[in-house]
Amino acid sequence: MSTVQRKAFLKKDGFTQHKSNARGNTIIYSRKHSTEKFVRIVVDSGIDKNTNKICGQAKAKLVYINRENHWRVITKEVSSNTISSLVQSQSNSISSVPQCKHCNAKKFTAKSGNVVCANACWTTWGNKKKTQKKKSQKTVEKKSQKTTQKSSQKKSARTYKKKSQKNQSIYLLDVQPGDLVTVEEISPKGGMNDFTGFILGIVVEVNKDNLDTVNVQWSTNKSALPHYSFPTTRLWDPTGPSACATTQHRLKVMSRKVEWVIK
């Protein structure tokens, strides 16, 4: 293939040219994988960016873009003079790439030589399951006791009005695509059950509509909670009609510190 033929094929196949190449003078191209959302096919065209002449064989590899927008190489780089077959072989090799059983991210070989999750999800929840559950339960119990004591006291009309406005507020959790999440169960009496370590999923999409619905790819459920009870929105109404009669389920972000705030 000539320089013109290589560039024409890459452009026709949906590849875009990178602005720079940190590892050499050749022109780099990439495009999204046809079936994997967070995977890109990266091609080193073998064309010198200064002379615009072919200086070597074309090379291709697959990379996974993790939730921190870092690119992780998940396949071995392969070279060939025929770019079309090179791209096809790399695209098909996705089926042999190992996948994390916790968050469904692809795995890659780290500098240590170990094959690990591209999202490094073990760092966010593996060592904190028990401590987080105990802390969250104690915090909810203390807040519930304080709320009960305050509501039993007599208040002026102004104080009562302010509390009513606060209680009627809807809360929002700033969930973002790529976040590692679990489920919290809120009972009508104010008790909480944290499913950290039992339920695990990764946020795929957040729809900023009236309901703020969230699309989560659930990968683990070791609890007795049925899938249809999992939360589908990043909103929480602690004083709505359902809160007084039934158990509520809301999302909890594990990969970073996020608090519920009044919408």
C-alpha atoms as a PDB file:
ATOM      1  CA  MET A   1       0.000   0.000   0.000  1.00  0.00           C
ATOM      2  CA  SER A   2       1.207   3.494  -0.846  1.00  0.00           C
ATOM      3  CA  THR A   3       0.897   6.511   1.470  1.00  0.00           C
ATOM      4  CA  VAL A   4      -2.241   7.650  -0.327  1.00  0.00           C
ATOM      5  CA  GLN A   5      -3.805   4.193  -0.154  1.00  0.00           C
ATOM      6  CA  ARG A   6      -3.104   3.828   3.569  1.00  0.00           C
ATOM      7  CA  LYS A   7      -4.602   7.219   4.391  1.00  0.00           C
ATOM      8  CA  ALA A   8      -7.612   6.611   2.135  1.00  0.00           C
ATOM      9  CA  PHE A   9      -8.397   3.258   3.767  1.00  0.00           C
ATOM     10  CA  LEU A  10      -8.116   4.634   7.302  1.00  0.00           C
ATOM     11  CA  LYS A  11     -10.334   7.611   6.485  1.00  0.00           C
ATOM     12  CA  LYS A  12     -12.942   5.403   4.799  1.00  0.00           C
ATOM     13  CA  ASP A  13     -12.956   2.992   7.764  1.00  0.00           C
ATOM     14  CA  GLY A  14     -13.786   5.797  10.210  1.00  0.00           C
ATOM     15  CA  PHE A  15     -10.331   6.428  11.686  1.00  0.00           C
ATOM     16  CA  THR A  16      -9.343   9.900  12.876  1.00  0.00           C
ATOM     17  CA  GLN A  17      -5.795  11.225  12.938  1.00  0.00           C
ATOM     18  CA  HIS A  18      -4.160  12.049  16.286  1.00  0.00           C
ATOM     19  CA  LYS A  19      -2.567  15.474  16.703  1.00  0.00           C
ATOM     20  CA  SER A  20       0.733  14.046  17.920  1.00  0.00           C
ATOM     21  CA  ASN A  21       2.720  10.879  18.556  1.00  0.00           C
ATOM     22  CA  ALA A  22       4.561  10.887  21.885  1.00  0.00           C
ATOM     23  CA  ARG A  23       6.654   7.853  20.907  1.00  0.00           C
ATOM     24  CA  GLY A  24       7.868   8.716  17.406  1.00  0.00           C
ATOM     25  CA  ASN A  25       7.391  10.607  14.146  1.00  0.00           C
ATOM     26  CA  THR A  26       4.775   8.356  12.532  1.00  0.00           C
ATOM     27  CA  ILE A  27       1.125   9.371  12.148  1.00  0.00           C
ATOM     28  CA  ILE A  28      -1.302   7.690  14.569  1.00  0.00           C
ATOM     29  CA  TYR A  29      -4.973   6.978  13.849  1.00  0.00           C
ATOM     30  CA  SER A  30      -7.763   5.490  15.976  1.00  0.00           C
ATOM     31  CA  ARG A  31     -11.493   4.745  15.987  1.00  0.00           C
ATOM     32  CA  LYS A  32     -14.109   3.140  18.234  1.00  0.00           C
ATOM     33  CA  HIS A  33     -14.473  -0.629  18.232  1.00  0.00           C
ATOM     34  CA  SER A  34     -17.632  -1.738  16.423  1.00  0.00           C
ATOM     35  CA  THR A  35     -19.071  -3.665  19.400  1.00  0.00           C
ATOM     36  CA  GLU A  36     -17.205  -2.619  22.558  1.00  0.00           C
ATOM     37  CA  LYS A  37     -18.191   0.811  23.920  1.00  0.00           C
ATOM     38  CA  PHE A  38     -14.976   1.720  25.780  1.00  0.00           C
ATOM     39  CA  VAL A  39     -12.503   0.086  23.355  1.00  0.00           C
ATOM     40  CA  ARG A  40     -10.614   1.808  20.504  1.00  0.00           C
ATOM     41  CA  ILE A  41      -8.500   0.412  17.689  1.00  0.00           C
ATOM     42  CA  VAL A  42      -5.210   2.342  17.474  1.00  0.00           C
ATOM     43  CA  VAL A  43      -3.179   2.186  14.235  1.00  0.00           C
ATOM     44  CA  ASP A  44       0.380   3.391  13.716  1.00  0.00           C
ATOM     45  CA  SER A  45       0.211   4.117   9.990  1.00  0.00           C
ATOM     46  CA  GLY A  46       3.967   3.762   9.390  1.00  0.00           C
ATOM     47  CA  ILE A  47       3.854   7.134   7.556  1.00  0.00           C
ATOM     48  CA  ASP A  48       6.436   9.741   8.595  1.00  0.00           C
ATOM     49  CA  LYS A  49       4.618  12.933   9.570  1.00  0.00           C
ATOM     50  CA  ASN A  50       7.493  15.143   8.366  1.00  0.00           C
ATOM     51  CA  THR A  51       8.215  13.580   4.942  1.00  0.00           C
ATOM     52  CA  ASN A  52       4.747  12.036   4.382  1.00  0.00           C
ATOM     53  CA  LYS A  53       6.503   8.875   3.167  1.00  0.00           C
ATOM     54  CA  ILE A  54       6.188   5.280   4.355  1.00  0.00           C
ATOM     55  CA  CYS A  55       8.951   4.480   6.815  1.00  0.00           C
ATOM     56  CA  GLY A  56       7.824   1.084   8.101  1.00  0.00           C
ATOM     57  CA  GLN A  57       5.058  -1.436   8.512  1.00  0.00           C
ATOM     58  CA  ALA A  58       1.692  -0.415   9.926  1.00  0.00           C
ATOM     59  CA  LYS A  59       0.983  -1.481  13.521  1.00  0.00           C
ATOM     60  CA  ALA A  60      -2.300  -1.926  15.400  1.00  0.00           C
ATOM     61  CA  LYS A  61      -3.481  -2.610  18.954  1.00  0.00           C
ATOM     62  CA  LEU A  62      -6.612  -2.337  21.115  1.00  0.00           C
ATOM     63  CA  VAL A  63      -6.893   0.054  24.068  1.00  0.00           C
ATOM     64  CA  TYR A  64      -9.525   0.316  26.810  1.00  0.00           C
ATOM     65  CA  ILE A  65     -10.512   3.790  28.079  1.00  0.00           C
ATOM     66  CA  ASN A  66     -11.186   3.507  31.811  1.00  0.00           C
ATOM     67  CA  ARG A  67     -13.417   5.719  33.980  1.00  0.00           C
ATOM     68  CA  GLU A  68     -10.538   8.163  34.570  1.00  0.00           C
ATOM     69  CA  ASN A  69     -10.102   8.546  30.788  1.00  0.00           C
ATOM     70  CA  HIS A  70      -6.754   6.701  30.832  1.00  0.00           C
ATOM     71  CA  TRP A  71      -5.918   4.477  27.845  1.00  0.00           C
ATOM     72  CA  ARG A  72      -4.853   0.921  28.751  1.00  0.00           C
ATOM     73  CA  VAL A  73      -3.346  -1.347  26.079  1.00  0.00           C
ATOM     74  CA  ILE A  74      -5.271  -4.638  26.192  1.00  0.00           C
ATOM     75  CA  THR A  75      -3.774  -6.511  23.197  1.00  0.00           C
ATOM     76  CA  LYS A  76      -0.316  -7.098  21.826  1.00  0.00           C
ATOM     77  CA  GLU A  77       0.688  -4.662  19.055  1.00  0.00           C
ATOM     78  CA  VAL A  78       0.819  -6.452  15.686  1.00  0.00           C
ATOM     79  CA  SER A  79       2.479  -5.193  12.467  1.00  0.00           C
ATOM     80  CA  SER A  80       1.736  -5.803   8.775  1.00  0.00           C
ATOM     81  CA  ASN A  81       1.968  -4.135   5.365  1.00  0.00           C
ATOM     82  CA  THR A  82      -1.758  -4.717   4.782  1.00  0.00           C
ATOM     83  CA  ILE A  83      -3.746  -2.377   7.032  1.00  0.00           C
ATOM     84  CA  SER A  84      -7.167  -3.842   6.216  1.00  0.00           C
ATOM     85  CA  SER A  85      -6.298  -7.319   7.474  1.00  0.00           C
ATOM     86  CA  LEU A  86      -4.396  -5.806  10.402  1.00  0.00           C
ATOM     87  CA  VAL A  87      -7.452  -3.839  11.570  1.00  0.00           C
ATOM     88  CA  GLN A  88      -9.746  -6.845  11.104  1.00  0.00           C
ATOM     89  CA  SER A  89      -7.504  -9.194  13.108  1.00  0.00           C
ATOM     90  CA  GLN A  90      -7.223  -6.726  15.984  1.00  0.00           C
ATOM     91  CA  SER A  91     -10.981  -6.113  15.970  1.00  0.00           C
ATOM     92  CA  ASN A  92     -11.625  -9.865  16.225  1.00  0.00           C
ATOM     93  CA  SER A  93      -9.072 -10.305  19.017  1.00  0.00           C
ATOM     94  CA  ILE A  94     -11.401  -8.529  21.493  1.00  0.00           C
ATOM     95  CA  SER A  95     -13.049 -11.889  22.196  1.00  0.00           C
ATOM     96  CA  SER A  96      -9.835 -13.195  23.785  1.00  0.00           C
ATOM     97  CA  VAL A  97      -9.300 -10.204  26.099  1.00  0.00           C
ATOM     98  CA  PRO A  98     -10.062 -11.120  29.757  1.00  0.00           C
ATOM     99  CA  GLN A  99     -12.800  -9.210  31.565  1.00  0.00           C
ATOM    100  CA  CYS A 100     -13.133  -8.111  35.202  1.00  0.00           C
ATOM    101  CA  LYS A 101     -15.831 -10.152  36.966  1.00  0.00           C
ATOM    102  CA  HIS A 102     -16.702  -7.239  39.279  1.00  0.00           C
ATOM    103  CA  CYS A 103     -17.186  -4.225  36.949  1.00  0.00           C
ATOM    104  CA  ASN A 104     -16.982  -5.897  33.474  1.00  0.00           C
ATOM    105  CA  ALA A 105     -14.053  -3.687  32.408  1.00  0.00           C
ATOM    106  CA  LYS A 106     -11.351  -5.242  30.226  1.00  0.00           C
ATOM    107  CA  LYS A 107      -8.113  -6.391  31.846  1.00  0.00           C
ATOM    108  CA  PHE A 108      -4.590  -5.357  30.827  1.00  0.00           C
ATOM    109  CA  THR A 109      -1.022  -6.316  31.747  1.00  0.00           C
ATOM    110  CA  ALA A 110       0.378  -3.815  34.256  1.00  0.00           C
ATOM    111  CA  LYS A 111       4.065  -2.836  34.561  1.00  0.00           C
ATOM    112  CA  SER A 112       4.356  -5.388  37.344  1.00  0.00           C
ATOM    113  CA  GLY A 113       3.454  -8.128  34.859  1.00  0.00           C
ATOM    114  CA  ASN A 114       0.112  -8.854  36.535  1.00  0.00           C
ATOM    115  CA  VAL A 115      -3.117  -8.920  34.520  1.00  0.00           C
ATOM    116  CA  VAL A 116      -5.441  -6.470  36.308  1.00  0.00           C
ATOM    117  CA  CYS A 117      -8.726  -4.595  35.841  1.00  0.00           C
ATOM    118  CA  ALA A 118      -8.400  -1.475  33.671  1.00  0.00           C
ATOM    119  CA  ASN A 119     -10.694   0.398  36.088  1.00  0.00           C
ATOM    120  CA  ALA A 120      -8.690  -0.732  39.148  1.00  0.00           C
ATOM    121  CA  CYS A 121     -12.037  -1.349  40.848  1.00  0.00           C
ATOM    122  CA  TRP A 122     -10.501  -3.395  43.666  1.00  0.00           C
ATOM    123  CA  THR A 123      -8.982  -0.216  45.161  1.00  0.00           C
ATOM    124  CA  THR A 124     -12.380   1.356  45.810  1.00  0.00           C
ATOM    125  CA  TRP A 125     -14.251  -1.345  47.653  1.00  0.00           C
ATOM    126  CA  GLY A 126     -12.236  -4.481  48.347  1.00  0.00           C
ATOM    127  CA  ASN A 127     -10.768  -3.400  51.704  1.00  0.00           C
ATOM    128  CA  LYS A 128     -13.611  -1.192  52.906  1.00  0.00           C
ATOM    129  CA  LYS A 129     -16.705  -3.403  52.777  1.00  0.00           C
ATOM    130  CA  LYS A 130     -17.125  -4.035  56.499  1.00  0.00           C
ATOM    131  CA  THR A 131     -16.037  -0.604  57.813  1.00  0.00           C
ATOM    132  CA  GLN A 132     -18.286   1.308  55.393  1.00  0.00           C
ATOM    133  CA  LYS A 133     -21.310  -0.793  56.337  1.00  0.00           C
ATOM    134  CA  LYS A 134     -20.808  -0.256  60.084  1.00  0.00           C
ATOM    135  CA  LYS A 135     -20.202   3.495  59.731  1.00  0.00           C
ATOM    136  CA  SER A 136     -23.229   4.065  57.486  1.00  0.00           C
ATOM    137  CA  GLN A 137     -25.538   2.151  59.850  1.00  0.00           C
ATOM    138  CA  LYS A 138     -24.336   4.098  62.903  1.00  0.00           C
ATOM    139  CA  THR A 139     -24.665   7.436  61.088  1.00  0.00           C
ATOM    140  CA  VAL A 140     -28.244   6.725  59.996  1.00  0.00           C
ATOM    141  CA  GLU A 141     -29.235   5.581  63.479  1.00  0.00           C
ATOM    142  CA  LYS A 142     -27.846   8.756  65.080  1.00  0.00           C
ATOM    143  CA  LYS A 143     -29.574  10.999  62.540  1.00  0.00           C
ATOM    144  CA  SER A 144     -32.840   9.112  63.031  1.00  0.00           C
ATOM    145  CA  GLN A 145     -32.671   9.586  66.814  1.00  0.00           C
ATOM    146  CA  LYS A 146     -31.955  13.312  66.532  1.00  0.00           C
ATOM    147  CA  THR A 147     -34.796  13.821  64.046  1.00  0.00           C
ATOM    148  CA  THR A 148     -37.244  12.023  66.353  1.00  0.00           C
ATOM    149  CA  GLN A 149     -36.224  14.131  69.357  1.00  0.00           C
ATOM    150  CA  LYS A 150     -36.544  17.408  67.458  1.00  0.00           C
ATOM    151  CA  SER A 151     -39.952  16.568  65.993  1.00  0.00           C
ATOM    152  CA  SER A 152     -41.333  15.801  69.471  1.00  0.00           C
ATOM    153  CA  GLN A 153     -40.480  19.254  70.790  1.00  0.00           C
ATOM    154  CA  LYS A 154     -42.778  22.257  70.473  1.00  0.00           C
ATOM    155  CA  LYS A 155     -41.672  24.826  67.926  1.00  0.00           C
ATOM    156  CA  SER A 156     -42.762  28.209  66.726  1.00  0.00           C
ATOM    157  CA  ALA A 157     -44.607  28.609  63.443  1.00  0.00           C
ATOM    158  CA  ARG A 158     -41.469  29.857  61.676  1.00  0.00           C
ATOM    159  CA  THR A 159     -39.279  26.939  62.826  1.00  0.00           C
ATOM    160  CA  TYR A 160     -41.927  24.387  61.870  1.00  0.00           C
ATOM    161  CA  LYS A 161     -42.291  25.941  58.427  1.00  0.00           C
ATOM    162  CA  LYS A 162     -38.528  25.758  57.746  1.00  0.00           C
ATOM    163  CA  LYS A 163     -38.387  22.089  58.776  1.00  0.00           C
ATOM    164  CA  SER A 164     -41.381  21.221  56.594  1.00  0.00           C
ATOM    165  CA  GLN A 165     -39.739  22.817  53.555  1.00  0.00           C
ATOM    166  CA  LYS A 166     -36.530  20.895  54.207  1.00  0.00           C
ATOM    167  CA  ASN A 167     -38.309  17.570  54.670  1.00  0.00           C
ATOM    168  CA  GLN A 168     -40.222  17.972  51.418  1.00  0.00           C
ATOM    169  CA  SER A 169     -37.024  18.406  49.374  1.00  0.00           C
ATOM    170  CA  ILE A 170     -35.898  15.885  46.763  1.00  0.00           C
ATOM    171  CA  TYR A 171     -32.249  14.818  46.955  1.00  0.00           C
ATOM    172  CA  LEU A 172     -29.819  14.321  44.058  1.00  0.00           C
ATOM    173  CA  LEU A 173     -26.702  12.109  43.839  1.00  0.00           C
ATOM    174  CA  ASP A 174     -24.113  13.345  41.315  1.00  0.00           C
ATOM    175  CA  VAL A 175     -23.691  10.014  39.518  1.00  0.00           C
ATOM    176  CA  GLN A 176     -21.464  10.024  36.415  1.00  0.00           C
ATOM    177  CA  PRO A 177     -20.815   7.418  33.668  1.00  0.00           C
ATOM    178  CA  GLY A 178     -18.034   5.060  34.739  1.00  0.00           C
ATOM    179  CA  ASP A 179     -18.833   5.286  38.464  1.00  0.00           C
ATOM    180  CA  LEU A 180     -18.736   2.053  40.462  1.00  0.00           C
ATOM    181  CA  VAL A 181     -22.001   1.829  42.425  1.00  0.00           C
ATOM    182  CA  THR A 182     -23.907  -0.355  44.871  1.00  0.00           C
ATOM    183  CA  VAL A 183     -27.349  -0.163  46.558  1.00  0.00           C
ATOM    184  CA  GLU A 184     -28.565   1.234  49.894  1.00  0.00           C
ATOM    185  CA  GLU A 185     -31.873   0.052  51.377  1.00  0.00           C
ATOM    186  CA  ILE A 186     -33.848   2.566  53.487  1.00  0.00           C
ATOM    187  CA  SER A 187     -36.632   1.217  55.710  1.00  0.00           C
ATOM    188  CA  PRO A 188     -39.784   3.258  56.566  1.00  0.00           C
ATOM    189  CA  LYS A 189     -38.434   3.661  60.115  1.00  0.00           C
ATOM    190  CA  GLY A 190     -35.166   5.168  58.897  1.00  0.00           C
ATOM    191  CA  GLY A 191     -32.847   2.162  59.165  1.00  0.00           C
ATOM    192  CA  MET A 192     -30.302   1.470  56.406  1.00  0.00           C
ATOM    193  CA  ASN A 193     -28.881  -1.684  54.859  1.00  0.00           C
ATOM    194  CA  ASP A 194     -25.710  -1.126  52.799  1.00  0.00           C
ATOM    195  CA  PHE A 195     -25.156  -3.765  50.061  1.00  0.00           C
ATOM    196  CA  THR A 196     -21.465  -2.921  49.549  1.00  0.00           C
ATOM    197  CA  GLY A 197     -19.664  -6.157  48.704  1.00  0.00           C
ATOM    198  CA  PHE A 198     -22.910  -7.897  47.743  1.00  0.00           C
ATOM    199  CA  ILE A 199     -24.218  -5.783  44.851  1.00  0.00           C
ATOM    200  CA  LEU A 200     -21.898  -4.155  42.309  1.00  0.00           C
ATOM    201  CA  GLY A 201     -22.436  -2.296  39.048  1.00  0.00           C
ATOM    202  CA  ILE A 202     -20.939   0.373  36.781  1.00  0.00           C
ATOM    203  CA  VAL A 203     -22.849   3.401  35.475  1.00  0.00           C
ATOM    204  CA  VAL A 204     -23.169   3.356  31.686  1.00  0.00           C
ATOM    205  CA  GLU A 205     -25.404   6.364  31.059  1.00  0.00           C
ATOM    206  CA  VAL A 206     -27.077   9.226  32.954  1.00  0.00           C
ATOM    207  CA  ASN A 207     -30.202  10.758  31.392  1.00  0.00           C
ATOM    208  CA  LYS A 208     -30.724  14.319  32.586  1.00  0.00           C
ATOM    209  CA  ASP A 209     -34.484  14.229  32.078  1.00  0.00           C
ATOM    210  CA  ASN A 210     -37.308  14.925  34.564  1.00  0.00           C
ATOM    211  CA  LEU A 211     -36.640  11.641  36.388  1.00  0.00           C
ATOM    212  CA  ASP A 212     -32.804  11.726  36.128  1.00  0.00           C
ATOM    213  CA  THR A 213     -32.808   8.039  35.171  1.00  0.00           C
ATOM    214  CA  VAL A 214     -29.543   6.084  35.340  1.00  0.00           C
ATOM    215  CA  ASN A 215     -28.519   3.086  33.227  1.00  0.00           C
ATOM    216  CA  VAL A 216     -26.361   0.754  35.334  1.00  0.00           C
ATOM    217  CA  GLN A 217     -24.671  -2.425  34.152  1.00  0.00           C
ATOM    218  CA  TRP A 218     -25.026  -4.664  37.217  1.00  0.00           C
ATOM    219  CA  SER A 219     -22.289  -7.303  37.389  1.00  0.00           C
ATOM    220  CA  THR A 220     -22.654  -8.800  40.875  1.00  0.00           C
ATOM    221  CA  ASN A 221     -25.633  -9.605  43.112  1.00  0.00           C
ATOM    222  CA  LYS A 222     -24.874 -11.840  46.083  1.00  0.00           C
ATOM    223  CA  SER A 223     -27.883 -10.542  48.032  1.00  0.00           C
ATOM    224  CA  ALA A 224     -31.499 -11.694  48.149  1.00  0.00           C
ATOM    225  CA  LEU A 225     -32.674  -8.402  46.634  1.00  0.00           C
ATOM    226  CA  PRO A 226     -34.357  -9.031  43.235  1.00  0.00           C
ATOM    227  CA  HIS A 227     -33.045  -7.168  40.212  1.00  0.00           C
ATOM    228  CA  TYR A 228     -36.327  -5.324  39.632  1.00  0.00           C
ATOM    229  CA  SER A 229     -35.914  -3.591  42.995  1.00  0.00           C
ATOM    230  CA  PHE A 230     -32.587  -1.997  41.989  1.00  0.00           C
ATOM    231  CA  PRO A 231     -32.685   1.846  41.755  1.00  0.00           C
ATOM    232  CA  THR A 232     -33.000   3.354  38.274  1.00  0.00           C
ATOM    233  CA  THR A 233     -32.670   7.061  39.134  1.00  0.00           C
ATOM    234  CA  ARG A 234     -30.206   9.307  40.908  1.00  0.00           C
ATOM    235  CA  LEU A 235     -33.038  11.060  42.792  1.00  0.00           C
ATOM    236  CA  TRP A 236     -34.265  10.218  46.296  1.00  0.00           C
ATOM    237  CA  ASP A 237     -37.433  11.487  47.986  1.00  0.00           C
ATOM    238  CA  PRO A 238     -37.178  10.708  51.731  1.00  0.00           C
ATOM    239  CA  THR A 239     -40.609  12.176  52.521  1.00  0.00           C
ATOM    240  CA  GLY A 240     -42.733  10.960  49.590  1.00  0.00           C
ATOM    241  CA  PRO A 241     -45.769   8.686  49.995  1.00  0.00           C
ATOM    242  CA  SER A 242     -43.725   5.547  49.291  1.00  0.00           C
ATOM    243  CA  ALA A 243     -41.119   6.455  51.936  1.00  0.00           C
ATOM    244  CA  CYS A 244     -43.678   6.165  54.737  1.00  0.00           C
ATOM    245  CA  ALA A 245     -45.124   2.815  53.634  1.00  0.00           C
ATOM    246  CA  THR A 246     -42.455   0.796  51.804  1.00  0.00           C
ATOM    247  CA  THR A 247     -38.727   0.164  51.763  1.00  0.00           C
ATOM    248  CA  GLN A 248     -36.774   2.428  49.393  1.00  0.00           C
ATOM    249  CA  HIS A 249     -33.625   1.623  47.418  1.00  0.00           C
ATOM    250  CA  ARG A 250     -31.146   4.259  46.300  1.00  0.00           C
ATOM    251  CA  LEU A 251     -27.731   4.337  44.620  1.00  0.00           C
ATOM    252  CA  LYS A 252     -24.400   4.676  46.411  1.00  0.00           C
ATOM    253  CA  VAL A 253     -21.177   5.681  44.590  1.00  0.00           C
ATOM    254  CA  MET A 254     -18.140   3.631  45.653  1.00  0.00           C
ATOM    255  CA  SER A 255     -15.428   4.840  43.264  1.00  0.00           C
ATOM    256  CA  ARG A 256     -15.344   8.403  44.664  1.00  0.00           C
ATOM    257  CA  LYS A 257     -16.809  10.454  47.507  1.00  0.00           C
ATOM    258  CA  VAL A 258     -20.277  11.726  46.529  1.00  0.00           C
ATOM    259  CA  GLU A 259     -22.926  13.053  48.944  1.00  0.00           C
ATOM    260  CA  TRP A 260     -26.672  13.427  48.521  1.00  0.00           C
ATOM    261  CA  VAL A 261     -27.635  17.113  48.061  1.00  0.00           C
ATOM    262  CA  ILE A 262     -30.956  18.940  47.805  1.00  0.00           C
ATOM    263  CA  LYS A 263     -31.917  19.287  44.159  1.00  0.00           C
END
